Amino acid sequence: MRTVSFSHRLRRKVRTHDSLIHPSHKFYKWVLLFNIMIGTFMAVLDATIVNVGLPKIMSSFGVGLSKIEWVITAYMLAMAVMLPTSGWIADKFGFKKVYFWGLFLFTFGSLLCGLSNDENTLILSRIIQGLGAGIIQPLGMAIITREFPVKQRGLALGFWAIAAAASVSFGPLIGGYLVDNFSWQLIFYVNIPVGIMALLFTIVVQREHINKMIKGFDFIGFISVTIFLPVLLYALSEGNAATNSEGWTAPYILLCFAISIIALAVFLTHELTTEHPLIELRLLMNYNFGLSNIVIFIFSIGMFGSTFLLPLFLQNSLGYTAVQSGAVFLPVGIIQGMMSPIAGITSNKISPKVPIILGLILLAISFYINSNLSFLTEHNFIMTSLYIRGFSMGILFTPLQTLALLNIPREKMAQASAISNTIRQIAGSVGVALFTTVLTSRINFHSQIFGNAIQSGSQEFKNVMTNMAYFIHTHGGSTMATAARQGRGLLMQHVGTQAFIQGIDDDFLLAAAVTVIGLIPAIILRTKKKTEQIHNA
């Protein structure tokens, strides 16, 4: 009888509040924050855990860099397309319900990724994952900003950032261990238990919220942005691909650029003139929100691109294992996680511009340090740049988000969050595509330079070849003729490795230059005090 009575009360409580914790309870918003952190950890984990497994996936499927980049780009593209849409869907059908289905899509996509037996199936499965992640991240931020008052919002966003920082730290390490000791498929299967836990927490903890003022869906805006993003990134990634002999002047590349420009023009025109747009681009006219998103776009290009490059360098040039290359990221997330709540608290007491500008400067310095990598680079040199990067990201992101959302009405939080996350994911996709293209072109450039520098008729070249052939003949047991061919092959391999490293260095230098540009909008951001005065005027 007691069991039946308790079960009845439990069901009635769930029907009444749609949550086992009453929303007025003082601990409700903190338990809810923990629930959102689980989903954020899972979504960001998959963006970082894959990087260390890329070399193994490339060798498993026998594909090159231009193809394997789509394992990352497809995920980011699906997120970017879903991010602006998720706000409307959540307003229409309920935040709890949509957040739950986002978690389900992500978990199911992870299962499909692990079951993939070729690169095309894996890319399609990553799209499903990205659709789920495109729901999880913006709704998570919107739920936090809705439930927490302004005074606690900086602290809440700081703790929320811990989940992302933990993924940055443990994602590559977990991924590296699984790849080295088991298989690359497990880097996707590991998401499944986390996803199930997040689904259960969402059912038990979160209350439902539906915006009854929601209007019609903007199909023109959705279709135009869905065409614009994939076509543009496809053109960027294929411009220097090995399968494209005509380069940037290839007819299909020019056609892709033309289609993306037309789609962008349609999107911007429609969004700024329609009464109920897919993305409230007018929010970008808010001074701080607009400038903050410019900063987000700029530093995200370098951040996502560099995260994609470093594991490739460590494994292909320095001979690191997957777990060793993943371990180098461990302090990054720890430092970022420690600094994010501190930055959230201090940004409420001092000008948020101070940590934002300092963070951008330090981020650019970390990229510049990485532009001096070589095959003789020591571990401490690499870690120094990553320590700086973790510190810079920890003090940068939370004050920037707090300042950006300061004057955004609560009913517009979902749209504002969607815009910020969309811009960040678009920047990340552009960064990966741009840096891959630059890397390919710079490798070709440096290969030609180094190849031309080798004078096969010079006495120095003949001496080197003779010494290498003698060494191989003596220690390898080959005949002199075979040893001579092996020596020449080793020399060409060294030239290729050196060209690859120089291409990586050029990419990091580009990332530093792009990040420095982000200082311009950051400097002219208005402080909290000035913004409040203008807002109240």
Protein backbone atom coordinates (compact mmCIF):
# COMPACT_ATOMS: atom_id res chain seq x y z
CA MET A 1 0.00 0.00 0.00
CA ARG A 2 2.82 2.37 0.89
CA THR A 3 4.54 1.54 -2.37
CA VAL A 4 1.40 2.34 -4.37
CA SER A 5 0.85 5.55 -2.42
CA PHE A 6 4.46 6.70 -2.93
CA SER A 7 4.29 5.84 -6.64
CA HIS A 8 1.05 7.82 -6.99
CA ARG A 9 2.56 10.87 -5.24
CA LEU A 10 5.67 10.62 -7.39
CA ARG A 11 3.67 10.55 -10.64
CA ARG A 12 1.53 13.45 -9.46
CA LYS A 13 4.63 15.46 -8.57
CA VAL A 14 6.15 14.81 -11.99
CA ARG A 15 2.90 15.80 -13.73
CA THR A 16 2.60 18.97 -11.67
CA HIS A 17 6.12 20.32 -11.92
CA ASP A 18 7.65 18.04 -14.57
CA SER A 19 10.60 17.69 -12.20
CA LEU A 20 11.33 15.73 -9.03
CA ILE A 21 12.87 18.87 -7.52
CA HIS A 22 10.46 21.77 -7.06
CA PRO A 23 11.62 24.74 -9.19
CA SER A 24 11.30 27.04 -6.18
CA HIS A 25 13.72 24.88 -4.18
CA LYS A 26 16.97 26.70 -3.45
CA PHE A 27 19.04 23.83 -4.88
CA TYR A 28 16.96 23.37 -8.03
CA LYS A 29 18.96 25.66 -10.30
CA TRP A 30 22.28 24.17 -9.13
CA VAL A 31 21.12 20.61 -9.72
CA LEU A 32 19.85 21.74 -13.11
CA LEU A 33 23.25 23.32 -13.82
CA PHE A 34 24.90 19.97 -13.09
CA ASN A 35 22.47 18.30 -15.49
CA ILE A 36 23.36 20.79 -18.26
CA MET A 37 27.07 20.31 -17.54
CA ILE A 38 26.73 16.57 -18.24
CA GLY A 39 25.26 17.24 -21.69
CA THR A 40 27.83 19.93 -22.45
CA PHE A 41 30.65 17.63 -21.35
CA MET A 42 29.44 14.95 -23.73
CA ALA A 43 28.99 17.28 -26.72
CA VAL A 44 32.36 18.99 -26.33
CA LEU A 45 34.05 15.67 -25.49
CA ASP A 46 33.24 14.34 -28.93
CA ALA A 47 34.69 17.40 -30.64
CA THR A 48 38.02 16.93 -28.84
CA ILE A 49 38.26 13.15 -28.46
CA VAL A 50 38.21 12.58 -32.24
CA ASN A 51 41.31 14.68 -32.98
CA VAL A 52 43.78 12.19 -31.52
CA GLY A 53 42.15 9.33 -33.40
CA LEU A 54 42.36 10.94 -36.85
CA PRO A 55 45.72 9.38 -37.86
CA LYS A 56 44.40 5.89 -37.01
CA ILE A 57 41.13 6.54 -38.84
CA MET A 58 43.09 7.78 -41.87
CA SER A 59 45.19 4.63 -41.97
CA SER A 60 42.19 2.38 -41.26
CA PHE A 61 40.19 3.73 -44.21
CA GLY A 62 43.19 4.58 -46.40
CA VAL A 63 42.16 8.21 -46.93
CA GLY A 64 44.08 11.50 -46.95
CA LEU A 65 43.86 14.72 -44.97
CA SER A 66 41.43 16.44 -47.36
CA LYS A 67 38.90 13.62 -46.84
CA ILE A 68 39.36 12.98 -43.14
CA GLU A 69 38.88 16.65 -42.24
CA TRP A 70 35.18 16.10 -43.00
CA VAL A 71 34.94 13.86 -39.94
CA ILE A 72 35.38 17.09 -37.98
CA THR A 73 33.84 19.54 -40.45
CA ALA A 74 30.62 17.52 -40.94
CA TYR A 75 30.08 17.52 -37.16
CA MET A 76 30.61 21.26 -36.91
CA LEU A 77 28.46 21.97 -39.96
CA ALA A 78 25.53 19.96 -38.60
CA MET A 79 25.88 21.84 -35.32
CA ALA A 80 26.01 25.19 -37.10
CA VAL A 81 22.84 24.41 -39.07
CA MET A 82 20.97 23.15 -36.01
CA LEU A 83 22.05 25.86 -33.57
CA PRO A 84 19.76 28.65 -34.86
CA THR A 85 16.90 26.20 -35.41
CA SER A 86 17.03 24.70 -31.92
CA GLY A 87 15.87 27.93 -30.28
CA TRP A 88 12.61 28.03 -32.26
CA ILE A 89 11.99 24.29 -31.83
CA ALA A 90 12.52 24.58 -28.04
CA ASP A 91 10.20 27.59 -27.80
CA LYS A 92 7.55 25.72 -29.80
CA PHE A 93 7.68 22.24 -28.27
CA GLY A 94 9.34 22.81 -24.89
CA PHE A 95 12.94 23.13 -23.73
CA LYS A 96 12.98 19.91 -21.74
CA LYS A 97 11.50 17.80 -24.55
CA VAL A 98 13.80 19.21 -27.24
CA TYR A 99 16.86 19.02 -25.01
CA PHE A 100 16.05 15.37 -24.33
CA TRP A 101 15.81 14.57 -28.06
CA GLY A 102 19.06 16.41 -28.67
CA LEU A 103 20.77 14.12 -26.17
CA PHE A 104 19.14 11.10 -27.80
CA LEU A 105 20.28 12.09 -31.31
CA PHE A 106 23.83 12.60 -30.08
CA THR A 107 23.95 9.27 -28.25
CA PHE A 108 22.44 7.40 -31.20
CA GLY A 109 24.87 9.12 -33.59
CA SER A 110 27.76 7.99 -31.40
CA LEU A 111 26.60 4.40 -31.74
CA LEU A 112 26.42 4.73 -35.53
CA CYS A 113 29.92 6.27 -35.66
CA GLY A 114 31.36 3.28 -33.84
CA LEU A 115 29.62 0.90 -36.24
CA SER A 116 30.87 2.71 -39.36
CA ASN A 117 32.94 0.59 -41.77
CA ASP A 118 33.98 3.30 -44.23
CA GLU A 119 34.70 7.04 -44.20
CA ASN A 120 31.42 8.06 -45.87
CA THR A 121 29.30 6.21 -43.30
CA LEU A 122 31.36 7.76 -40.53
CA ILE A 123 30.83 11.26 -41.94
CA LEU A 124 27.06 10.70 -42.19
CA SER A 125 27.00 9.41 -38.61
CA ARG A 126 28.93 12.48 -37.48
CA ILE A 127 26.20 14.62 -39.04
CA ILE A 128 23.63 12.91 -36.79
CA GLN A 129 25.89 13.56 -33.81
CA GLY A 130 26.26 17.19 -34.82
CA LEU A 131 22.50 17.65 -35.07
CA GLY A 132 22.19 16.48 -31.46
CA ALA A 133 25.08 18.63 -30.27
CA GLY A 134 23.52 21.60 -32.08
CA ILE A 135 20.54 21.26 -29.77
CA ILE A 136 22.42 20.50 -26.54
CA GLN A 137 24.82 23.44 -26.44
CA PRO A 138 22.58 26.47 -27.14
CA LEU A 139 19.67 25.17 -25.09
CA GLY A 140 22.01 24.43 -22.21
CA MET A 141 23.25 28.00 -22.15
CA ALA A 142 19.72 29.39 -22.59
CA ILE A 143 18.39 27.27 -19.70
CA ILE A 144 21.19 28.48 -17.41
CA THR A 145 20.72 32.15 -18.29
CA ARG A 146 16.94 31.82 -17.77
CA GLU A 147 17.16 30.09 -14.38
CA PHE A 148 19.97 32.15 -12.83
CA PRO A 149 19.61 35.84 -11.90
CA VAL A 150 22.05 38.35 -13.38
CA LYS A 151 24.16 38.47 -10.18
CA GLN A 152 24.79 34.71 -10.29
CA ARG A 153 24.92 34.32 -14.06
CA GLY A 154 28.66 34.92 -14.39
CA LEU A 155 29.39 32.28 -11.75
CA ALA A 156 26.93 29.82 -13.31
CA LEU A 157 28.42 30.28 -16.78
CA GLY A 158 31.85 29.81 -15.23
CA PHE A 159 30.87 26.43 -13.78
CA TRP A 160 29.17 25.54 -17.06
CA ALA A 161 32.48 26.27 -18.78
CA ILE A 162 34.13 23.73 -16.45
CA ALA A 163 32.27 20.98 -18.32
CA ALA A 164 33.73 22.16 -21.62
CA ALA A 165 37.16 22.52 -20.04
CA ALA A 166 37.00 19.01 -18.60
CA SER A 167 36.21 17.70 -22.07
CA VAL A 168 39.20 19.56 -23.49
CA SER A 169 41.40 17.97 -20.83
CA PHE A 170 40.14 14.43 -20.64
CA GLY A 171 38.75 14.00 -24.17
CA PRO A 172 42.09 13.68 -25.98
CA LEU A 173 43.59 11.64 -23.12
CA ILE A 174 40.67 9.19 -23.03
CA GLY A 175 40.63 9.05 -26.81
CA GLY A 176 44.36 8.41 -27.01
CA TYR A 177 44.19 5.59 -24.47
CA LEU A 178 41.29 3.92 -26.27
CA VAL A 179 42.94 4.25 -29.70
CA ASP A 180 46.32 2.92 -28.52
CA ASN A 181 45.02 0.02 -26.45
CA PHE A 182 41.77 -0.94 -28.17
CA SER A 183 40.35 0.64 -31.33
CA TRP A 184 39.29 4.02 -32.66
CA GLN A 185 35.64 2.92 -32.57
CA LEU A 186 35.66 3.16 -28.77
CA ILE A 187 36.19 6.92 -28.90
CA PHE A 188 32.56 7.06 -30.04
CA TYR A 189 31.18 4.23 -27.89
CA VAL A 190 32.43 6.02 -24.76
CA ASN A 191 29.73 8.66 -25.29
CA ILE A 192 26.91 6.14 -24.92
CA PRO A 193 26.95 5.64 -21.10
CA VAL A 194 27.41 9.39 -20.56
CA GLY A 195 24.50 10.05 -22.91
CA ILE A 196 22.23 7.62 -21.10
CA MET A 197 23.06 9.26 -17.76
CA ALA A 198 22.30 12.70 -19.20
CA LEU A 199 18.96 11.45 -20.57
CA LEU A 200 17.95 10.12 -17.15
CA PHE A 201 18.97 13.35 -15.40
CA THR A 202 16.94 15.38 -17.90
CA ILE A 203 13.82 13.29 -17.23
CA VAL A 204 14.18 13.49 -13.45
CA VAL A 205 15.52 17.01 -12.87
CA GLN A 206 14.52 19.47 -15.55
CA ARG A 207 11.16 21.25 -15.65
CA GLU A 208 9.41 22.08 -18.89
CA HIS A 209 9.29 25.58 -20.35
CA ILE A 210 7.32 26.52 -23.47
CA ASN A 211 7.19 29.96 -25.04
CA LYS A 212 3.53 30.54 -25.88
CA MET A 213 4.41 33.63 -27.94
CA ILE A 214 6.29 31.60 -30.58
CA LYS A 215 5.57 32.47 -34.21
CA GLY A 216 5.86 30.58 -37.52
CA PHE A 217 9.00 28.80 -38.72
CA ASP A 218 11.26 30.63 -41.18
CA PHE A 219 11.73 28.07 -43.96
CA ILE A 220 13.47 30.48 -46.35
CA GLY A 221 16.06 31.39 -43.74
CA PHE A 222 16.62 27.75 -42.80
CA ILE A 223 17.02 26.54 -46.41
CA SER A 224 19.33 29.40 -47.43
CA VAL A 225 21.68 29.00 -44.45
CA THR A 226 21.65 25.21 -44.90
CA ILE A 227 22.81 25.69 -48.51
CA PHE A 228 25.32 28.44 -47.72
CA LEU A 229 27.40 26.74 -45.04
CA PRO A 230 28.07 23.26 -46.50
CA VAL A 231 28.66 24.56 -50.04
CA LEU A 232 31.11 27.25 -48.86
CA LEU A 233 33.12 24.86 -46.70
CA TYR A 234 33.14 22.23 -49.43
CA ALA A 235 34.67 24.79 -51.80
CA LEU A 236 37.25 25.84 -49.19
CA SER A 237 38.29 22.27 -48.45
CA GLU A 238 38.42 21.17 -52.11
CA GLY A 239 40.39 24.14 -53.42
CA ASN A 240 43.77 22.47 -52.86
CA ALA A 241 42.61 18.85 -52.61
CA ALA A 242 44.73 16.18 -54.28
CA THR A 243 41.73 15.14 -56.40
CA ASN A 244 41.34 18.67 -57.77
CA SER A 245 44.01 19.22 -60.44
CA GLU A 246 42.67 22.65 -61.50
CA GLY A 247 42.85 24.21 -58.04
CA TRP A 248 40.77 27.28 -57.16
CA THR A 249 39.85 27.93 -60.80
CA ALA A 250 38.08 24.58 -61.21
CA PRO A 251 34.55 25.17 -62.57
CA TYR A 252 32.84 23.27 -59.74
CA ILE A 253 34.79 25.26 -57.12
CA LEU A 254 33.74 28.57 -58.72
CA LEU A 255 30.16 27.31 -58.97
CA CYS A 256 30.17 26.41 -55.25
CA PHE A 257 31.40 29.89 -54.34
CA ALA A 258 28.72 31.47 -56.52
CA ILE A 259 25.96 29.35 -54.94
CA SER A 260 27.18 30.11 -51.41
CA ILE A 261 27.28 33.87 -52.12
CA ILE A 262 23.74 33.83 -53.53
CA ALA A 263 22.48 31.76 -50.59
CA LEU A 264 24.14 34.14 -48.13
CA ALA A 265 22.60 37.16 -49.85
CA VAL A 266 19.15 35.55 -49.72
CA PHE A 267 19.63 34.64 -46.06
CA LEU A 268 20.75 38.10 -44.95
CA THR A 269 18.09 39.91 -46.96
CA HIS A 270 15.29 37.69 -45.73
CA GLU A 271 16.38 37.63 -42.08
CA LEU A 272 16.61 41.42 -41.89
CA THR A 273 13.25 42.03 -43.58
CA THR A 274 10.96 39.25 -42.33
CA GLU A 275 8.87 39.74 -39.21
CA HIS A 276 9.75 36.36 -37.67
CA PRO A 277 13.31 35.41 -38.73
CA LEU A 278 15.07 32.10 -38.09
CA ILE A 279 17.95 34.00 -36.50
CA GLU A 280 17.36 37.34 -34.83
CA LEU A 281 20.19 39.08 -36.67
CA ARG A 282 18.88 42.36 -35.31
CA LEU A 283 20.25 41.28 -31.94
CA LEU A 284 23.70 41.80 -33.43
CA MET A 285 22.85 45.51 -33.57
CA ASN A 286 23.15 45.47 -29.78
CA TYR A 287 26.57 47.09 -29.41
CA ASN A 288 28.24 44.67 -27.00
CA PHE A 289 26.50 41.57 -28.33
CA GLY A 290 27.56 42.33 -31.89
CA LEU A 291 31.17 43.12 -31.03
CA SER A 292 31.45 40.14 -28.68
CA ASN A 293 30.37 37.79 -31.45
CA ILE A 294 32.98 39.27 -33.76
CA VAL A 295 35.58 38.44 -31.10
CA ILE A 296 34.11 34.93 -30.72
CA PHE A 297 34.28 34.37 -34.48
CA ILE A 298 37.88 35.52 -34.72
CA PHE A 299 39.41 33.57 -31.84
CA SER A 300 37.35 30.45 -32.64
CA ILE A 301 38.99 30.23 -36.07
CA GLY A 302 42.41 29.89 -34.45
CA MET A 303 41.20 27.79 -31.53
CA PHE A 304 39.44 25.03 -33.49
CA GLY A 305 42.07 25.02 -36.22
CA SER A 306 44.97 24.67 -33.81
CA THR A 307 43.25 21.87 -31.87
CA PHE A 308 42.93 20.00 -35.16
CA LEU A 309 46.60 20.56 -36.12
CA LEU A 310 48.55 19.75 -32.97
CA PRO A 311 47.71 16.00 -32.68
CA LEU A 312 48.63 15.56 -36.36
CA PHE A 313 52.01 17.17 -35.73
CA LEU A 314 52.72 15.21 -32.57
CA GLN A 315 51.85 11.82 -34.06
CA ASN A 316 53.11 12.26 -37.62
CA SER A 317 56.27 14.31 -36.94
CA LEU A 318 57.41 13.54 -33.39
CA GLY A 319 56.21 9.93 -33.25
CA TYR A 320 53.89 10.42 -30.27
CA THR A 321 51.34 7.71 -29.64
CA ALA A 322 47.66 8.67 -29.55
CA VAL A 323 47.59 8.61 -25.74
CA GLN A 324 50.76 10.72 -25.53
CA SER A 325 49.35 13.32 -27.91
CA GLY A 326 46.09 13.30 -25.95
CA ALA A 327 47.88 13.72 -22.62
CA VAL A 328 49.36 17.07 -23.62
CA PHE A 329 45.86 18.57 -23.56
CA LEU A 330 45.17 17.48 -19.99
CA PRO A 331 46.52 20.64 -18.29
CA VAL A 332 44.71 22.87 -20.80
CA GLY A 333 41.23 21.98 -19.60
CA ILE A 334 42.27 21.86 -15.94
CA ILE A 335 43.69 25.37 -16.10
CA GLN A 336 40.70 26.58 -18.11
CA GLY A 337 38.28 24.99 -15.65
CA MET A 338 40.04 26.57 -12.68
CA MET A 339 40.13 30.01 -14.24
CA SER A 340 36.57 30.13 -15.65
CA PRO A 341 34.69 30.53 -12.32
CA ILE A 342 37.35 32.97 -11.09
CA ALA A 343 36.99 35.00 -14.26
CA GLY A 344 33.19 34.89 -13.88
CA ILE A 345 33.42 36.32 -10.35
CA THR A 346 36.07 38.95 -11.10
CA SER A 347 34.26 40.14 -14.24
CA ASN A 348 31.42 41.28 -11.96
CA LYS A 349 33.87 43.40 -9.92
CA ILE A 350 36.26 44.80 -12.52
CA SER A 351 35.91 45.69 -16.17
CA PRO A 352 35.32 42.48 -18.16
CA LYS A 353 37.47 43.98 -20.90
CA VAL A 354 40.61 43.38 -18.84
CA PRO A 355 40.48 39.54 -18.86
CA ILE A 356 39.10 39.54 -22.44
CA ILE A 357 41.99 41.58 -23.85
CA LEU A 358 44.58 39.76 -21.74
CA GLY A 359 43.13 36.41 -22.83
CA LEU A 360 43.34 37.32 -26.53
CA ILE A 361 46.94 38.49 -26.18
CA LEU A 362 47.98 35.30 -24.38
CA LEU A 363 46.11 33.15 -26.90
CA ALA A 364 47.96 34.81 -29.77
CA ILE A 365 51.27 34.31 -27.93
CA SER A 366 50.56 30.59 -27.51
CA PHE A 367 49.91 30.25 -31.25
CA TYR A 368 53.09 32.19 -32.04
CA ILE A 369 55.11 29.87 -29.82
CA ASN A 370 53.72 26.91 -31.78
CA SER A 371 54.82 28.51 -35.04
CA ASN A 372 58.39 27.54 -34.09
CA LEU A 373 57.83 23.78 -33.92
CA SER A 374 60.40 21.42 -35.44
CA PHE A 375 61.25 17.70 -35.38
CA LEU A 376 63.63 18.54 -32.50
CA THR A 377 60.97 20.32 -30.41
CA GLU A 378 61.04 19.24 -26.77
CA HIS A 379 57.99 18.30 -24.72
CA ASN A 380 58.35 21.23 -22.31
CA PHE A 381 58.28 23.70 -25.19
CA ILE A 382 54.96 22.28 -26.39
CA MET A 383 53.48 22.25 -22.90
CA THR A 384 54.43 25.88 -22.26
CA SER A 385 52.26 27.01 -25.16
CA LEU A 386 49.37 24.84 -23.95
CA TYR A 387 49.61 26.16 -20.37
CA ILE A 388 49.28 29.67 -21.75
CA ARG A 389 46.39 28.60 -23.97
CA GLY A 390 44.45 27.04 -21.10
CA PHE A 391 44.92 30.14 -18.96
CA SER A 392 43.89 32.46 -21.79
CA MET A 393 40.72 30.49 -22.62
CA GLY A 394 39.79 30.33 -18.94
CA ILE A 395 39.87 34.10 -18.46
CA LEU A 396 38.49 34.98 -21.89
CA PHE A 397 35.28 33.09 -22.58
CA THR A 398 33.17 33.65 -19.44
CA PRO A 399 33.59 37.47 -19.22
CA LEU A 400 32.98 37.71 -22.96
CA GLN A 401 29.71 35.75 -22.72
CA THR A 402 28.59 37.68 -19.64
CA LEU A 403 29.23 41.02 -21.33
CA ALA A 404 27.59 39.89 -24.56
CA LEU A 405 24.32 38.81 -22.87
CA LEU A 406 24.15 41.68 -20.38
CA ASN A 407 21.43 43.70 -22.14
CA ILE A 408 19.66 40.84 -23.91
CA PRO A 409 16.04 40.36 -22.69
CA ARG A 410 15.30 37.02 -21.02
CA GLU A 411 12.81 36.04 -23.73
CA LYS A 412 15.58 36.53 -26.33
CA MET A 413 18.17 34.44 -24.48
CA ALA A 414 17.55 31.31 -26.56
CA GLN A 415 18.02 33.27 -29.79
CA ALA A 416 21.10 35.08 -28.48
CA SER A 417 22.62 31.82 -27.29
CA ALA A 418 21.88 30.23 -30.67
CA ILE A 419 23.55 33.11 -32.51
CA SER A 420 26.70 32.95 -30.35
CA ASN A 421 27.01 29.19 -30.67
CA THR A 422 26.28 29.28 -34.40
CA ILE A 423 28.97 31.88 -34.96
CA ARG A 424 31.46 29.87 -32.92
CA GLN A 425 30.74 26.65 -34.82
CA ILE A 426 30.83 28.40 -38.19
CA ALA A 427 34.17 29.90 -37.22
CA GLY A 428 35.41 26.48 -36.15
CA SER A 429 34.33 24.92 -39.44
CA VAL A 430 35.94 27.74 -41.38
CA GLY A 431 39.08 27.39 -39.25
CA VAL A 432 39.44 23.65 -39.91
CA ALA A 433 38.75 24.06 -43.65
CA LEU A 434 41.00 27.13 -43.93
CA PHE A 435 43.93 25.65 -42.01
CA THR A 436 43.67 22.35 -43.90
CA THR A 437 43.75 24.24 -47.20
CA VAL A 438 46.66 26.43 -46.09
CA LEU A 439 48.50 23.38 -44.73
CA THR A 440 48.16 21.53 -48.04
CA SER A 441 49.34 24.50 -50.10
CA ARG A 442 52.23 25.32 -47.76
CA ILE A 443 53.40 21.68 -47.70
CA ASN A 444 53.52 21.77 -51.51
CA PHE A 445 55.33 25.11 -51.42
CA HIS A 446 57.97 24.00 -48.93
CA SER A 447 58.41 20.65 -50.69
CA GLN A 448 59.29 22.52 -53.89
CA ILE A 449 61.65 24.88 -52.06
CA PHE A 450 63.46 22.05 -50.25
CA GLY A 451 63.49 19.93 -53.40
CA ASN A 452 65.06 22.73 -55.42
CA ALA A 453 67.65 23.28 -52.68
CA ILE A 454 68.91 19.71 -53.12
CA GLN A 455 71.52 19.81 -55.86
CA SER A 456 71.85 16.20 -56.92
CA GLY A 457 75.01 17.00 -58.86
CA SER A 458 76.83 18.70 -55.99
CA GLN A 459 79.70 17.05 -54.16
CA GLU A 460 77.99 17.60 -50.81
CA PHE A 461 74.91 15.67 -51.97
CA LYS A 462 77.07 12.82 -53.29
CA ASN A 463 78.96 12.65 -49.97
CA VAL A 464 75.70 12.46 -48.00
CA MET A 465 74.29 9.73 -50.25
CA THR A 466 77.54 7.73 -50.05
CA ASN A 467 77.65 7.95 -46.24
CA MET A 468 73.97 6.98 -45.90
CA ALA A 469 74.38 4.05 -48.28
CA TYR A 470 77.44 2.84 -46.39
CA PHE A 471 75.61 3.11 -43.05
CA ILE A 472 72.56 1.20 -44.34
CA HIS A 473 74.79 -1.43 -46.01
CA THR A 474 76.79 -1.92 -42.80
CA HIS A 475 73.90 -1.98 -40.29
CA GLY A 476 71.01 -3.18 -42.44
CA GLY A 477 72.63 -5.90 -44.47
CA SER A 478 71.48 -4.50 -47.84
CA THR A 479 73.61 -4.52 -50.95
CA MET A 480 75.26 -1.21 -51.86
CA ALA A 481 72.84 -0.66 -54.76
CA THR A 482 69.81 -1.30 -52.57
CA ALA A 483 71.31 0.78 -49.75
CA ALA A 484 71.80 3.70 -52.15
CA ARG A 485 68.10 3.60 -53.16
CA GLN A 486 67.02 3.33 -49.52
CA GLY A 487 69.22 6.28 -48.59
CA ARG A 488 67.67 8.42 -51.32
CA GLY A 489 64.21 7.37 -50.11
CA LEU A 490 65.06 8.34 -46.53
CA LEU A 491 66.29 11.74 -47.70
CA MET A 492 63.06 12.39 -49.63
CA GLN A 493 61.06 11.23 -46.61
CA HIS A 494 62.93 13.71 -44.43
CA VAL A 495 62.21 16.48 -46.94
CA GLY A 496 58.51 15.59 -46.83
CA THR A 497 58.48 15.57 -43.03
CA GLN A 498 60.25 18.92 -42.88
CA ALA A 499 57.80 20.41 -45.41
CA PHE A 500 54.88 19.14 -43.31
CA ILE A 501 56.32 20.72 -40.15
CA GLN A 502 56.90 24.04 -41.94
CA GLY A 503 53.29 23.94 -43.15
CA ILE A 504 52.11 23.38 -39.55
CA ASP A 505 54.26 26.32 -38.42
CA ASP A 506 52.74 28.57 -41.08
CA ASP A 507 49.24 27.60 -39.93
CA PHE A 508 50.02 28.48 -36.32
CA LEU A 509 51.48 31.80 -37.40
CA LEU A 510 48.27 32.50 -39.30
CA ALA A 511 46.26 31.58 -36.17
CA ALA A 512 48.29 34.07 -34.12
CA ALA A 513 47.75 36.84 -36.69
CA VAL A 514 44.00 36.18 -36.85
CA THR A 515 43.70 36.21 -33.04
CA VAL A 516 45.50 39.55 -32.79
CA ILE A 517 42.84 41.04 -35.09
CA GLY A 518 40.30 40.11 -32.42
CA LEU A 519 41.80 42.76 -30.14
CA ILE A 520 40.24 45.52 -32.25
CA PRO A 521 36.57 44.79 -31.43
CA ALA A 522 37.54 43.72 -27.87
CA ILE A 523 39.14 47.09 -27.10
CA ILE A 524 36.07 49.09 -28.14
CA LEU A 525 33.64 46.96 -26.09
CA ARG A 526 31.72 49.00 -23.55
CA THR A 527 32.13 48.17 -19.89
CA LYS A 528 29.24 47.05 -17.71
CA LYS A 529 28.93 50.47 -16.07
CA LYS A 530 28.81 52.35 -19.36
CA THR A 531 26.45 49.84 -20.90
CA GLU A 532 24.00 50.15 -18.03
CA GLN A 533 24.08 53.94 -18.28
CA ILE A 534 23.36 53.83 -22.00
CA HIS A 535 20.67 51.20 -21.51
CA ASN A 536 18.93 53.24 -18.82
CA ALA A 537 19.25 56.49 -20.73
